[in-house]
């Protein structure tokens, strides 16, 4: 792992439908990384943005799966994305 972690860019396209976004020509945005369909924790702007600022990242919403299992896998992906040493789910939880 690197001594300096990778940067994280969160791009919020409020009121932009995923299907419309995928049909758009993303000449420059596609250079940032792969687009993923994600869900916020609230259905309107203010609480959704508040959740992001407080560290709740947009999540996938698979059917018939416990949310806690999804959150653990999502959290684990940040180790690879940001390349942060000793970044584990167990150490992230409050004591």
N, C-alpha and C. Protein backbone atom coordinates (compact mmCIF):
# COMPACT_ATOMS: atom_id res chain seq x y z
N UNK A 1 0.83 -1.18 0.00
CA UNK A 1 0.00 0.00 0.00
C UNK A 1 0.88 1.24 0.00
N UNK A 2 0.34 2.29 -0.58
CA UNK A 2 1.07 3.55 -0.67
C UNK A 2 1.03 4.31 0.64
N UNK A 3 2.04 5.14 0.89
CA UNK A 3 2.04 6.00 2.07
C UNK A 3 0.99 7.10 1.92
N UNK A 4 0.75 7.52 0.68
CA UNK A 4 -0.24 8.55 0.40
C UNK A 4 -1.46 7.88 -0.24
N UNK A 5 -2.63 7.94 0.40
CA UNK A 5 -3.81 7.30 -0.17
C UNK A 5 -4.27 7.99 -1.45
N UNK A 6 -5.04 7.27 -2.25
CA UNK A 6 -5.62 7.83 -3.47
C UNK A 6 -6.66 8.88 -3.12
N UNK A 7 -6.96 9.73 -4.08
CA UNK A 7 -7.98 10.75 -3.89
C UNK A 7 -9.35 10.16 -4.18
N UNK A 8 -10.35 10.74 -3.58
CA UNK A 8 -11.73 10.33 -3.79
C UNK A 8 -12.50 11.50 -4.38
N UNK A 9 -13.17 11.28 -5.48
CA UNK A 9 -14.02 12.30 -6.10
C UNK A 9 -15.45 11.79 -6.06
N UNK A 10 -16.33 12.55 -5.44
CA UNK A 10 -17.75 12.23 -5.44
C UNK A 10 -18.45 13.26 -6.29
N UNK A 11 -19.07 12.81 -7.34
CA UNK A 11 -19.78 13.69 -8.26
C UNK A 11 -21.27 13.44 -8.08
N UNK A 12 -21.99 14.45 -7.61
CA UNK A 12 -23.43 14.31 -7.38
C UNK A 12 -24.16 15.00 -8.51
N UNK A 13 -24.92 14.24 -9.25
CA UNK A 13 -25.74 14.78 -10.33
C UNK A 13 -27.19 14.72 -9.87
N UNK A 14 -27.57 15.69 -9.07
CA UNK A 14 -28.89 15.73 -8.47
C UNK A 14 -29.96 15.81 -9.57
N UNK A 15 -30.97 14.98 -9.48
CA UNK A 15 -32.09 14.92 -10.43
C UNK A 15 -31.69 14.42 -11.81
N UNK A 16 -30.56 13.78 -11.92
CA UNK A 16 -30.14 13.18 -13.20
C UNK A 16 -30.41 11.68 -13.13
N UNK A 17 -31.29 11.21 -14.00
CA UNK A 17 -31.60 9.78 -14.01
C UNK A 17 -30.42 8.98 -14.54
N UNK A 18 -30.21 7.81 -13.96
CA UNK A 18 -29.09 6.95 -14.34
C UNK A 18 -29.17 6.58 -15.82
N UNK A 19 -30.34 6.22 -16.30
CA UNK A 19 -30.46 5.81 -17.70
C UNK A 19 -30.14 6.97 -18.65
N UNK A 20 -30.55 8.17 -18.31
CA UNK A 20 -30.22 9.34 -19.13
C UNK A 20 -28.72 9.62 -19.10
N UNK A 21 -28.13 9.48 -17.93
CA UNK A 21 -26.70 9.69 -17.79
C UNK A 21 -25.91 8.70 -18.65
N UNK A 22 -26.34 7.45 -18.66
CA UNK A 22 -25.64 6.43 -19.43
C UNK A 22 -25.78 6.64 -20.93
N UNK A 23 -26.89 7.25 -21.38
CA UNK A 23 -27.07 7.53 -22.81
C UNK A 23 -26.30 8.77 -23.26
N UNK A 24 -25.91 9.60 -22.33
CA UNK A 24 -25.20 10.84 -22.66
C UNK A 24 -23.79 10.52 -23.17
N UNK A 25 -23.24 11.43 -23.91
CA UNK A 25 -21.86 11.27 -24.39
C UNK A 25 -20.94 11.84 -23.33
N UNK A 26 -20.23 10.98 -22.67
CA UNK A 26 -19.43 11.35 -21.51
C UNK A 26 -17.96 11.49 -21.87
N UNK A 27 -17.67 12.37 -22.79
CA UNK A 27 -16.31 12.51 -23.29
C UNK A 27 -15.30 12.75 -22.16
N UNK A 28 -15.62 13.64 -21.25
CA UNK A 28 -14.66 13.97 -20.19
C UNK A 28 -14.98 13.27 -18.87
N UNK A 29 -16.25 13.13 -18.53
CA UNK A 29 -16.61 12.49 -17.27
C UNK A 29 -16.17 11.03 -17.21
N UNK A 30 -16.19 10.34 -18.32
CA UNK A 30 -15.81 8.93 -18.33
C UNK A 30 -14.34 8.73 -17.99
N UNK A 31 -13.54 9.77 -18.09
CA UNK A 31 -12.12 9.67 -17.74
C UNK A 31 -11.91 9.59 -16.23
N UNK A 32 -12.91 9.98 -15.44
CA UNK A 32 -12.79 9.93 -13.99
C UNK A 32 -12.89 8.51 -13.45
N UNK A 33 -13.60 7.65 -14.15
CA UNK A 33 -13.77 6.27 -13.70
C UNK A 33 -15.08 5.72 -14.21
N UNK A 34 -15.36 4.49 -13.82
CA UNK A 34 -16.57 3.81 -14.26
C UNK A 34 -17.79 4.32 -13.50
N UNK A 35 -18.86 4.59 -14.23
CA UNK A 35 -20.11 5.03 -13.61
C UNK A 35 -20.80 3.81 -12.99
N UNK A 36 -21.37 4.00 -11.82
CA UNK A 36 -22.09 2.93 -11.13
C UNK A 36 -23.46 3.43 -10.73
N UNK A 37 -24.45 2.56 -10.82
CA UNK A 37 -25.79 2.92 -10.36
C UNK A 37 -25.83 2.75 -8.85
N UNK A 38 -26.07 3.84 -8.14
CA UNK A 38 -26.07 3.85 -6.68
C UNK A 38 -27.32 4.54 -6.17
N UNK A 39 -27.61 4.34 -4.89
CA UNK A 39 -28.79 4.92 -4.24
C UNK A 39 -28.35 5.73 -3.04
N UNK A 40 -29.03 6.83 -2.80
CA UNK A 40 -28.76 7.62 -1.61
C UNK A 40 -29.62 7.08 -0.47
N UNK A 41 -29.39 7.59 0.73
CA UNK A 41 -30.15 7.15 1.90
C UNK A 41 -31.42 7.96 2.10
N UNK A 42 -31.68 8.90 1.22
CA UNK A 42 -32.89 9.71 1.32
C UNK A 42 -33.38 10.00 -0.10
N UNK A 43 -34.65 10.29 -0.23
CA UNK A 43 -35.23 10.49 -1.56
C UNK A 43 -35.26 11.95 -2.00
N UNK A 44 -34.83 12.86 -1.15
CA UNK A 44 -34.77 14.25 -1.60
C UNK A 44 -33.44 14.87 -1.20
N UNK A 45 -33.12 15.99 -1.79
CA UNK A 45 -31.77 16.54 -1.82
C UNK A 45 -31.12 16.79 -0.46
N UNK A 46 -31.73 17.58 0.39
CA UNK A 46 -31.06 17.99 1.63
C UNK A 46 -30.63 16.81 2.49
N UNK A 47 -31.52 15.89 2.85
CA UNK A 47 -31.05 14.77 3.68
C UNK A 47 -30.08 13.84 2.94
N UNK A 48 -30.24 13.70 1.64
CA UNK A 48 -29.32 12.86 0.87
C UNK A 48 -27.91 13.44 0.90
N UNK A 49 -27.78 14.74 0.67
CA UNK A 49 -26.47 15.38 0.70
C UNK A 49 -25.90 15.38 2.11
N UNK A 50 -26.74 15.56 3.11
CA UNK A 50 -26.29 15.51 4.50
C UNK A 50 -25.68 14.12 4.80
N UNK A 51 -26.35 13.08 4.33
CA UNK A 51 -25.84 11.72 4.55
C UNK A 51 -24.47 11.55 3.91
N UNK A 52 -24.27 12.10 2.71
CA UNK A 52 -22.96 12.00 2.05
C UNK A 52 -21.88 12.72 2.84
N UNK A 53 -22.20 13.92 3.32
CA UNK A 53 -21.24 14.71 4.09
C UNK A 53 -20.87 13.99 5.39
N UNK A 54 -21.82 13.24 5.96
CA UNK A 54 -21.57 12.52 7.20
C UNK A 54 -20.88 11.18 6.97
N UNK A 55 -20.56 10.85 5.71
CA UNK A 55 -19.79 9.65 5.43
C UNK A 55 -20.56 8.47 4.90
N UNK A 56 -21.87 8.59 4.75
CA UNK A 56 -22.65 7.50 4.17
C UNK A 56 -22.59 7.60 2.66
N UNK A 57 -21.83 6.73 2.04
CA UNK A 57 -21.67 6.80 0.60
C UNK A 57 -22.87 6.20 -0.11
N UNK A 58 -23.13 6.62 -1.33
CA UNK A 58 -24.23 6.01 -2.09
C UNK A 58 -24.01 4.50 -2.19
N UNK A 59 -25.08 3.74 -2.08
CA UNK A 59 -24.95 2.28 -2.01
C UNK A 59 -25.70 1.60 -3.16
N UNK A 60 -25.33 0.35 -3.40
CA UNK A 60 -26.11 -0.49 -4.31
C UNK A 60 -27.31 -0.97 -3.53
N UNK A 61 -28.33 -1.37 -4.22
CA UNK A 61 -29.54 -1.80 -3.51
C UNK A 61 -30.03 -3.14 -4.06
N UNK A 62 -29.27 -4.22 -3.83
CA UNK A 62 -29.70 -5.52 -4.34
C UNK A 62 -30.91 -6.04 -3.58
N UNK A 63 -31.74 -6.80 -4.28
CA UNK A 63 -32.93 -7.37 -3.64
C UNK A 63 -32.56 -8.65 -2.89
N UNK A 64 -33.30 -8.92 -1.83
CA UNK A 64 -33.19 -10.16 -1.06
C UNK A 64 -31.83 -10.35 -0.39
N UNK A 65 -31.19 -9.25 -0.02
CA UNK A 65 -29.91 -9.30 0.66
C UNK A 65 -30.00 -8.38 1.87
N UNK A 66 -29.50 -8.83 3.01
CA UNK A 66 -29.50 -7.98 4.19
C UNK A 66 -28.61 -6.76 3.95
N UNK A 67 -29.11 -5.60 4.36
CA UNK A 67 -28.36 -4.36 4.16
C UNK A 67 -26.98 -4.42 4.80
N UNK A 68 -26.88 -5.03 5.97
CA UNK A 68 -25.59 -5.08 6.66
C UNK A 68 -24.54 -5.81 5.83
N UNK A 69 -24.94 -6.83 5.09
CA UNK A 69 -24.00 -7.56 4.23
C UNK A 69 -23.53 -6.68 3.08
N UNK A 70 -24.45 -5.91 2.52
CA UNK A 70 -24.09 -5.00 1.43
C UNK A 70 -23.13 -3.94 1.95
N UNK A 71 -23.42 -3.38 3.12
CA UNK A 71 -22.58 -2.32 3.67
C UNK A 71 -21.17 -2.83 3.96
N UNK A 72 -21.04 -4.06 4.46
CA UNK A 72 -19.71 -4.62 4.73
C UNK A 72 -18.90 -4.74 3.44
N UNK A 73 -19.54 -5.23 2.38
CA UNK A 73 -18.84 -5.37 1.09
C UNK A 73 -18.49 -4.01 0.51
N UNK A 74 -19.40 -3.06 0.64
CA UNK A 74 -19.14 -1.71 0.15
C UNK A 74 -17.95 -1.11 0.89
N UNK A 75 -17.94 -1.28 2.19
CA UNK A 75 -16.85 -0.74 3.00
C UNK A 75 -15.53 -1.36 2.60
N UNK A 76 -15.53 -2.66 2.37
CA UNK A 76 -14.30 -3.36 2.00
C UNK A 76 -13.73 -2.85 0.67
N UNK A 77 -14.60 -2.41 -0.22
CA UNK A 77 -14.12 -1.92 -1.52
C UNK A 77 -13.33 -0.63 -1.38
N UNK A 78 -13.54 0.11 -0.28
CA UNK A 78 -12.80 1.36 -0.08
C UNK A 78 -11.33 1.08 0.18
N UNK A 79 -10.98 -0.06 0.73
CA UNK A 79 -9.57 -0.41 0.94
C UNK A 79 -8.85 -0.41 -0.40
N UNK A 80 -9.47 -1.02 -1.41
CA UNK A 80 -8.86 -1.07 -2.73
C UNK A 80 -8.92 0.28 -3.43
N UNK A 81 -10.03 0.97 -3.32
CA UNK A 81 -10.19 2.25 -4.02
C UNK A 81 -9.23 3.31 -3.51
N UNK A 82 -9.10 3.41 -2.19
CA UNK A 82 -8.31 4.49 -1.62
C UNK A 82 -6.91 4.07 -1.18
N UNK A 83 -6.67 2.77 -1.16
CA UNK A 83 -5.35 2.24 -0.80
C UNK A 83 -4.90 2.75 0.56
N UNK A 84 -5.75 2.56 1.56
CA UNK A 84 -5.45 3.00 2.92
C UNK A 84 -5.07 1.78 3.76
N UNK A 85 -3.91 1.84 4.35
CA UNK A 85 -3.43 0.72 5.17
C UNK A 85 -4.28 0.59 6.43
N UNK A 86 -4.52 -0.65 6.86
CA UNK A 86 -5.23 -0.96 8.11
C UNK A 86 -6.63 -0.32 8.17
N UNK A 87 -7.32 -0.35 7.08
CA UNK A 87 -8.68 0.20 6.99
C UNK A 87 -9.63 -0.99 6.99
N UNK A 88 -10.19 -1.31 8.18
CA UNK A 88 -11.04 -2.49 8.32
C UNK A 88 -12.39 -2.08 8.89
N UNK A 89 -13.39 -2.87 8.59
CA UNK A 89 -14.75 -2.62 9.06
C UNK A 89 -14.78 -2.60 10.59
N UNK A 90 -14.06 -3.51 11.21
CA UNK A 90 -14.07 -3.63 12.66
C UNK A 90 -13.50 -2.39 13.34
N UNK A 91 -12.47 -1.78 12.75
CA UNK A 91 -11.85 -0.59 13.36
C UNK A 91 -12.63 0.68 13.06
N UNK A 92 -13.52 0.63 12.10
CA UNK A 92 -14.30 1.79 11.72
C UNK A 92 -15.51 1.99 12.64
N UNK A 93 -15.99 0.90 13.22
CA UNK A 93 -17.17 0.97 14.09
C UNK A 93 -16.86 1.72 15.38
N UNK A 94 -17.82 2.48 15.89
CA UNK A 94 -17.58 3.20 17.16
C UNK A 94 -17.38 2.23 18.31
N UNK A 95 -16.59 2.63 19.28
CA UNK A 95 -16.30 1.78 20.45
C UNK A 95 -17.34 1.98 21.53
